[in-house]
C-alpha atoms as a PDB file:
ATOM      1  CA  MET A   1      14.630   4.536  10.721  1.00  0.00           C
ATOM      2  CA  THR A   2      14.902   8.011  12.224  1.00  0.00           C
ATOM      3  CA  LEU A   3      13.596  11.136  10.512  1.00  0.00           C
ATOM      4  CA  PRO A   4      17.121  12.305   9.594  1.00  0.00           C
ATOM      5  CA  ASP A   5      17.735   8.828   8.122  1.00  0.00           C
ATOM      6  CA  LEU A   6      14.531   9.142   6.098  1.00  0.00           C
ATOM      7  CA  HIS A   7      15.545  12.604   4.872  1.00  0.00           C
ATOM      8  CA  ARG A   8      18.867  11.208   3.714  1.00  0.00           C
ATOM      9  CA  ALA A   9      17.218   8.187   2.080  1.00  0.00           C
ATOM     10  CA  ILE A  10      14.853  10.393   0.077  1.00  0.00           C
ATOM     11  CA  THR A  11      17.629  12.786  -0.912  1.00  0.00           C
ATOM     12  CA  GLU A  12      19.996  10.059  -2.077  1.00  0.00           C
ATOM     13  CA  HIS A  13      17.459   7.884  -3.893  1.00  0.00           C
ATOM     14  CA  ALA A  14      17.139   8.241  -7.693  1.00  0.00           C
ATOM     15  CA  GLY A  15      16.856   6.027 -10.728  1.00  0.00           C
ATOM     16  CA  THR A  16      15.174   5.343 -14.048  1.00  0.00           C
ATOM     17  CA  PHE A  17      11.953   4.000 -15.488  1.00  0.00           C
ATOM     18  CA  THR A  18      12.169   1.916 -18.648  1.00  0.00           C
ATOM     19  CA  CYS A  19       8.983   2.579 -20.617  1.00  0.00           C
ATOM     20  CA  GLU A  20       7.218   1.419 -23.762  1.00  0.00           C
ATOM     21  CA  ARG A  21       5.030   3.645 -25.882  1.00  0.00           C
ATOM     22  CA  ILE A  22       1.342   2.950 -25.446  1.00  0.00           C
ATOM     23  CA  ASN A  23      -0.097   1.346 -28.611  1.00  0.00           C
ATOM     24  CA  LYS A  24       3.423   1.182 -30.068  1.00  0.00           C
ATOM     25  CA  PRO A  25       5.309  -1.140 -27.684  1.00  0.00           C
ATOM     26  CA  GLN A  26       8.229  -1.518 -30.079  1.00  0.00           C
ATOM     27  CA  GLN A  27       9.225   2.029 -29.085  1.00  0.00           C
ATOM     28  CA  THR A  28      10.904   2.389 -25.686  1.00  0.00           C
ATOM     29  CA  LYS A  29      12.514   5.166 -23.729  1.00  0.00           C
ATOM     30  CA  THR A  30      14.194   5.759 -20.385  1.00  0.00           C
ATOM     31  CA  VAL A  31      12.849   8.325 -17.919  1.00  0.00           C
ATOM     32  CA  ASN A  32      14.956   9.638 -15.050  1.00  0.00           C
ATOM     33  CA  PHE A  33      13.313  10.231 -11.676  1.00  0.00           C
ATOM     34  CA  GLN A  34      14.258  12.067  -8.513  1.00  0.00           C
ATOM     35  CA  HIS A  35      12.477  13.038  -5.297  1.00  0.00           C
ATOM     36  CA  HIS A  36      12.148  16.644  -4.153  1.00  0.00           C
ATOM     37  CA  ILE A  37      11.950  17.843  -0.548  1.00  0.00           C
ATOM     38  CA  GLN A  38      10.581  21.219   0.476  1.00  0.00           C
ATOM     39  CA  PRO A  39      12.142  22.723   3.608  1.00  0.00           C
ATOM     40  CA  PRO A  40       9.996  22.883   6.757  1.00  0.00           C
ATOM     41  CA  ALA A  41       7.766  25.949   6.982  1.00  0.00           C
ATOM     42  CA  ALA A  42       6.432  27.873   9.951  1.00  0.00           C
ATOM     43  CA  LEU A  43       3.001  26.530  10.918  1.00  0.00           C
ATOM     44  CA  ASP A  44      -0.023  28.525  12.019  1.00  0.00           C
ATOM     45  CA  ALA A  45      -0.697  26.001  14.777  1.00  0.00           C
ATOM     46  CA  PRO A  46       1.146  22.973  16.191  1.00  0.00           C
ATOM     47  CA  LEU A  47       0.401  19.667  14.504  1.00  0.00           C
ATOM     48  CA  SER A  48      -0.825  16.617  16.339  1.00  0.00           C
ATOM     49  CA  ASP A  49       1.756  13.884  16.736  1.00  0.00           C
ATOM     50  CA  VAL A  50      -0.738  11.307  15.484  1.00  0.00           C
ATOM     51  CA  GLY A  51       0.872   9.228  12.749  1.00  0.00           C
ATOM     52  CA  GLN A  52       4.201  11.045  13.374  1.00  0.00           C
ATOM     53  CA  LEU A  53       2.796  14.175  11.747  1.00  0.00           C
ATOM     54  CA  SER A  54       4.553  16.737  13.919  1.00  0.00           C
ATOM     55  CA  GLY A  55       7.966  15.095  13.632  1.00  0.00           C
ATOM     56  CA  PHE A  56       7.604  14.569   9.896  1.00  0.00           C
ATOM     57  CA  TYR A  57       6.694  18.190   9.188  1.00  0.00           C
ATOM     58  CA  ALA A  58       9.439  19.452  11.469  1.00  0.00           C
ATOM     59  CA  THR A  59      11.804  17.661   9.061  1.00  0.00           C
ATOM     60  CA  PHE A  60      10.014  18.061   5.712  1.00  0.00           C
ATOM     61  CA  GLY A  61       7.908  20.880   4.358  1.00  0.00           C
ATOM     62  CA  GLY A  62       6.558  18.557   1.681  1.00  0.00           C
ATOM     63  CA  VAL A  63       7.801  15.703  -0.500  1.00  0.00           C
ATOM     64  CA  LEU A  64       7.338  15.069  -4.232  1.00  0.00           C
ATOM     65  CA  LEU A  65       8.136  11.448  -5.091  1.00  0.00           C
ATOM     66  CA  TYR A  66       9.302   9.965  -8.405  1.00  0.00           C
ATOM     67  CA  HIS A  67       9.346  13.257 -10.295  1.00  0.00           C
ATOM     68  CA  ASP A  68      10.186  13.409 -14.002  1.00  0.00           C
ATOM     69  CA  ALA A  69      11.570  16.837 -14.869  1.00  0.00           C
ATOM     70  CA  ASP A  70      10.663  16.634 -18.575  1.00  0.00           C
ATOM     71  CA  SER A  71       6.923  15.917 -18.279  1.00  0.00           C
ATOM     72  CA  GLY A  72       6.402  17.181 -14.747  1.00  0.00           C
ATOM     73  CA  ASP A  73       4.791  13.868 -13.764  1.00  0.00           C
ATOM     74  CA  ALA A  74       5.205  12.550 -10.231  1.00  0.00           C
ATOM     75  CA  ALA A  75       3.922   9.498  -8.379  1.00  0.00           C
ATOM     76  CA  ARG A  76       2.881  11.038  -5.047  1.00  0.00           C
ATOM     77  CA  TYR A  77       2.873  14.459  -3.407  1.00  0.00           C
ATOM     78  CA  ILE A  78       2.860  14.817   0.371  1.00  0.00           C
ATOM     79  CA  ALA A  79       1.760  18.413   0.731  1.00  0.00           C
ATOM     80  CA  PRO A  80       2.650  21.153   3.213  1.00  0.00           C
ATOM     81  CA  PRO A  81      -0.052  21.697   5.863  1.00  0.00           C
ATOM     82  CA  ALA A  82      -0.900  25.066   4.290  1.00  0.00           C
ATOM     83  CA  GLU A  83      -2.191  23.144   1.239  1.00  0.00           C
ATOM     84  CA  TRP A  84      -4.326  20.663   3.182  1.00  0.00           C
ATOM     85  CA  PRO A  85      -7.543  22.769   3.079  1.00  0.00           C
ATOM     86  CA  THR A  86      -7.367  22.939  -0.728  1.00  0.00           C
ATOM     87  CA  LEU A  87      -6.818  19.183  -0.932  1.00  0.00           C
ATOM     88  CA  GLN A  88      -9.635  18.591   1.558  1.00  0.00           C
ATOM     89  CA  GLU A  89     -12.015  20.625  -0.585  1.00  0.00           C
ATOM     90  CA  ALA A  90     -11.000  18.741  -3.715  1.00  0.00           C
ATOM     91  CA  PHE A  91     -11.433  15.381  -1.987  1.00  0.00           C
ATOM     92  CA  GLU A  92     -14.848  16.358  -0.631  1.00  0.00           C
ATOM     93  CA  GLY A  93     -15.870  17.166  -4.190  1.00  0.00           C
ATOM     94  CA  TRP A  94     -16.011  13.392  -4.708  1.00  0.00           C
ATOM     95  CA  THR A  95     -18.106  12.687  -1.599  1.00  0.00           C
ATOM     96  CA  GLU A  96     -20.412  15.669  -1.134  1.00  0.00           C
ATOM     97  CA  HIS A  97     -23.065  14.338  -3.536  1.00  0.00           C
ATOM     98  CA  LEU A  98     -23.500  11.069  -1.629  1.00  0.00           C
ATOM     99  CA  SER A  99     -26.755  10.513   0.239  1.00  0.00           C
ATOM    100  CA  ASP A 100     -26.716   9.669   3.942  1.00  0.00           C
ATOM    101  CA  GLU A 101     -27.307   6.012   3.085  1.00  0.00           C
ATOM    102  CA  GLU A 102     -24.496   5.996   0.526  1.00  0.00           C
ATOM    103  CA  ARG A 103     -22.119   7.689   2.949  1.00  0.00           C
ATOM    104  CA  GLU A 104     -22.831   5.058   5.578  1.00  0.00           C
ATOM    105  CA  GLU A 105     -22.340   2.257   3.063  1.00  0.00           C
ATOM    106  CA  ILE A 106     -19.308   3.577   1.160  1.00  0.00           C
ATOM    107  CA  LEU A 107     -17.262   5.771   3.485  1.00  0.00           C
ATOM    108  CA  PRO A 108     -15.105   4.416   6.326  1.00  0.00           C
ATOM    109  CA  ASP A 109     -15.897   5.289   9.941  1.00  0.00           C
ATOM    110  CA  TRP A 110     -12.855   7.539  10.284  1.00  0.00           C
ATOM    111  CA  ILE A 111     -13.724   9.773   7.312  1.00  0.00           C
ATOM    112  CA  GLU A 112     -15.193  12.545   9.485  1.00  0.00           C
ATOM    113  CA  HIS A 113     -11.902  12.738  11.380  1.00  0.00           C
ATOM    114  CA  CYS A 114      -9.184  12.647   8.760  1.00  0.00           C
ATOM    115  CA  LEU A 115      -6.648  14.927   7.131  1.00  0.00           C
ATOM    116  CA  VAL A 116      -6.090  15.059   3.384  1.00  0.00           C
ATOM    117  CA  ILE A 117      -2.299  15.325   3.438  1.00  0.00           C
ATOM    118  CA  GLY A 118      -1.418  14.690  -0.193  1.00  0.00           C
ATOM    119  CA  GLU A 119      -2.399  13.380  -3.582  1.00  0.00           C
ATOM    120  CA  THR A 120      -1.487  11.412  -6.639  1.00  0.00           C
ATOM    121  CA  PRO A 121      -0.895  14.418  -8.910  1.00  0.00           C
ATOM    122  CA  HIS A 122      -3.420  15.073 -11.688  1.00  0.00           C
ATOM    123  CA  SER A 123      -5.457  11.968 -10.825  1.00  0.00           C
ATOM    124  CA  GLY A 124      -8.238  12.992  -8.442  1.00  0.00           C
ATOM    125  CA  ASN A 125      -6.857  10.491  -5.912  1.00  0.00           C
ATOM    126  CA  TYR A 126      -5.787  11.544  -2.429  1.00  0.00           C
ATOM    127  CA  ILE A 127      -3.642  10.539   0.552  1.00  0.00           C
ATOM    128  CA  LEU A 128      -5.601  10.558   3.804  1.00  0.00           C
ATOM    129  CA  MET A 129      -4.655  10.144   7.452  1.00  0.00           C
ATOM    130  CA  ALA A 130      -7.193   9.087  10.049  1.00  0.00           C
ATOM    131  CA  THR A 131      -6.864  11.180  13.214  1.00  0.00           C
ATOM    132  CA  ASP A 132      -9.284   9.494  15.615  1.00  0.00           C
ATOM    133  CA  GLY A 133     -10.427   6.043  16.675  1.00  0.00           C
ATOM    134  CA  GLU A 134      -8.773   2.701  16.101  1.00  0.00           C
ATOM    135  CA  CYS A 135      -7.213   3.845  12.810  1.00  0.00           C
ATOM    136  CA  ALA A 136      -5.712   7.075  14.178  1.00  0.00           C
ATOM    137  CA  GLY A 137      -2.400   7.852  12.504  1.00  0.00           C
ATOM    138  CA  GLN A 138      -2.826   5.316   9.714  1.00  0.00           C
ATOM    139  CA  VAL A 139      -2.403   6.368   6.084  1.00  0.00           C
ATOM    140  CA  PHE A 140      -4.934   5.482   3.402  1.00  0.00           C
ATOM    141  CA  GLU A 141      -5.145   6.182  -0.322  1.00  0.00           C
ATOM    142  CA  PHE A 142      -8.472   7.161  -1.864  1.00  0.00           C
ATOM    143  CA  ASP A 143      -9.081   6.098  -5.465  1.00  0.00           C
ATOM    144  CA  HIS A 144     -12.128   7.825  -6.893  1.00  0.00           C
ATOM    145  CA  ASP A 145     -12.550   5.072  -9.478  1.00  0.00           C
ATOM    146  CA  GLY A 146     -14.708   2.760  -7.399  1.00  0.00           C
ATOM    147  CA  PHE A 147     -14.497   4.871  -4.241  1.00  0.00           C
ATOM    148  CA  GLU A 148     -11.794   2.645  -2.770  1.00  0.00           C
ATOM    149  CA  PHE A 149     -10.028   3.460   0.494  1.00  0.00           C
ATOM    150  CA  THR A 150      -6.863   1.359   0.750  1.00  0.00           C
ATOM    151  CA  HIS A 151      -4.791   1.093   3.914  1.00  0.00           C
ATOM    152  CA  GLU A 152      -1.181   1.789   2.945  1.00  0.00           C
ATOM    153  CA  ALA A 153       0.805   2.317   6.145  1.00  0.00           C
ATOM    154  CA  ASN A 154       0.576   2.629   9.919  1.00  0.00           C
ATOM    155  CA  ASP A 155       2.017   6.152   9.949  1.00  0.00           C
ATOM    156  CA  LEU A 156       3.482   8.760   7.620  1.00  0.00           C
ATOM    157  CA  MET A 157       7.106   7.639   7.973  1.00  0.00           C
ATOM    158  CA  ASP A 158       6.113   4.077   7.186  1.00  0.00           C
ATOM    159  CA  TYR A 159       4.173   5.299   4.151  1.00  0.00           C
ATOM    160  CA  VAL A 160       7.160   7.134   2.666  1.00  0.00           C
ATOM    161  CA  GLN A 161       9.551   4.274   3.398  1.00  0.00           C
ATOM    162  CA  ARG A 162       7.252   1.892   1.520  1.00  0.00           C
ATOM    163  CA  LEU A 163       7.215   4.233  -1.469  1.00  0.00           C
ATOM    164  CA  LEU A 164      11.004   4.205  -1.558  1.00  0.00           C
ATOM    165  CA  HIS A 165      10.973   0.393  -1.897  1.00  0.00           C
ATOM    166  CA  LEU A 166       8.461  -0.337  -4.647  1.00  0.00           C
ATOM    167  CA  ASP A 167       7.130  -3.787  -5.406  1.00  0.00           C
ATOM    168  CA  SER A 168       5.466  -4.813  -8.679  1.00  0.00           C
ATOM    169  CA  GLN A 169       1.971  -3.936  -7.488  1.00  0.00           C
ATOM    170  CA  MET A 170       2.995  -0.466  -6.304  1.00  0.00           C
ATOM    171  CA  LEU A 171       4.935   0.198  -9.506  1.00  0.00           C
ATOM    172  CA  ALA A 172       1.927  -0.812 -11.606  1.00  0.00           C
ATOM    173  CA  ASN A 173      -0.232   1.554  -9.557  1.00  0.00           C
ATOM    174  CA  ILE A 174       2.215   4.370 -10.199  1.00  0.00           C
ATOM    175  CA  ALA A 175       2.389   3.474 -13.901  1.00  0.00           C
ATOM    176  CA  SER A 176      -1.379   3.811 -14.221  1.00  0.00           C
ATOM    177  CA  HIS A 177      -1.131   7.551 -13.496  1.00  0.00           C
ATOM    178  CA  MET A 178       2.270   8.544 -14.901  1.00  0.00           C
ATOM    179  CA  ARG A 179       2.252   8.670 -18.702  1.00  0.00           C
ATOM    180  CA  PHE A 180       5.175  11.063 -19.409  1.00  0.00           C
ATOM    181  CA  ILE A 181       3.226  12.706 -22.228  1.00  0.00           C
ATOM    182  CA  ASP A 182       5.532  14.059 -24.917  1.00  0.00           C
ATOM    183  CA  LYS A 183       4.878  17.782 -25.350  1.00  0.00           C
ATOM    184  CA  ASN A 184       5.611  17.631 -29.087  1.00  0.00           C
ATOM    185  CA  THR A 185       3.963  14.381 -30.207  1.00  0.00           C
ATOM    186  CA  GLY A 186       1.456  13.682 -27.427  1.00  0.00           C
ATOM    187  CA  ALA A 187       2.913  10.173 -27.104  1.00  0.00           C
ATOM    188  CA  GLN A 188       2.166   8.385 -23.822  1.00  0.00           C
ATOM    189  CA  TRP A 189       4.333   5.792 -22.112  1.00  0.00           C
ATOM    190  CA  TRP A 190       3.845   2.812 -19.811  1.00  0.00           C
ATOM    191  CA  ILE A 191       6.432   1.892 -17.188  1.00  0.00           C
ATOM    192  CA  LEU A 192       7.896  -1.573 -17.714  1.00  0.00           C
ATOM    193  CA  GLU A 193      10.667  -1.478 -15.139  1.00  0.00           C
ATOM    194  CA  MET A 194      12.226   0.624 -12.394  1.00  0.00           C
ATOM    195  CA  ASN A 195      15.933   0.543 -11.606  1.00  0.00           C
ATOM    196  CA  ASP A 196      17.318   2.665  -8.798  1.00  0.00           C
ATOM    197  CA  ASN A 197      20.795   3.698  -7.698  1.00  0.00           C
ATOM    198  CA  GLN A 198      20.739   1.142  -4.885  1.00  0.00           C
ATOM    199  CA  GLY A 199      20.543  -1.860  -7.202  1.00  0.00           C
ATOM    200  CA  HIS A 200      16.815  -2.420  -6.747  1.00  0.00           C
ATOM    201  CA  ARG A 201      14.944  -3.575  -9.858  1.00  0.00           C
ATOM    202  CA  VAL A 202      11.215  -4.118 -10.128  1.00  0.00           C
ATOM    203  CA  THR A 203       8.862  -4.641 -13.073  1.00  0.00           C
ATOM    204  CA  THR A 204       5.169  -3.932 -13.566  1.00  0.00           C
ATOM    205  CA  SER A 205       4.635  -7.521 -14.736  1.00  0.00           C
ATOM    206  CA  THR A 206       4.160 -10.076 -11.991  1.00  0.00           C
END
């Protein structure tokens, strides 16, 4: 898939989540989702082409995936480079208290040479790209609950393409952070099923 193809795929993709109310599963509702693309922005310095960074950000300024307009929830946010330092600082807030021994035991080798390029909104979890060594260009997700670093894709294009084609495990991961909280009642919702406009259906139950 080329970058223009990916841009078109993100733009054209939309669908719905079928949800049940947490603690009251007899109540269900449907949530519409869309993806939002920010236009490319002028950069202070050229980006490395590791992990297809430079090509991606020449095409996209940033990408918000699976956004619900009513609650403001979204599954993932790939941020503009101007926001990376803020994300880096937030991510390091989870690791700065570790001792040297803990860092060696818990953190991957590439952690000193990575970019924090995005996040799972409102979760404290981050999207990282290794920039040096054997893992250079690969995309990982950091989950602060357990300090887990999970390899998700070999480059940024691959990462986004995978997010456009959810499986049950990925949908359940998304569901764990998107609760579509009702502003009036405070009700929270769990995703049961995703149906998109391309005929793809996936459930959170395996």
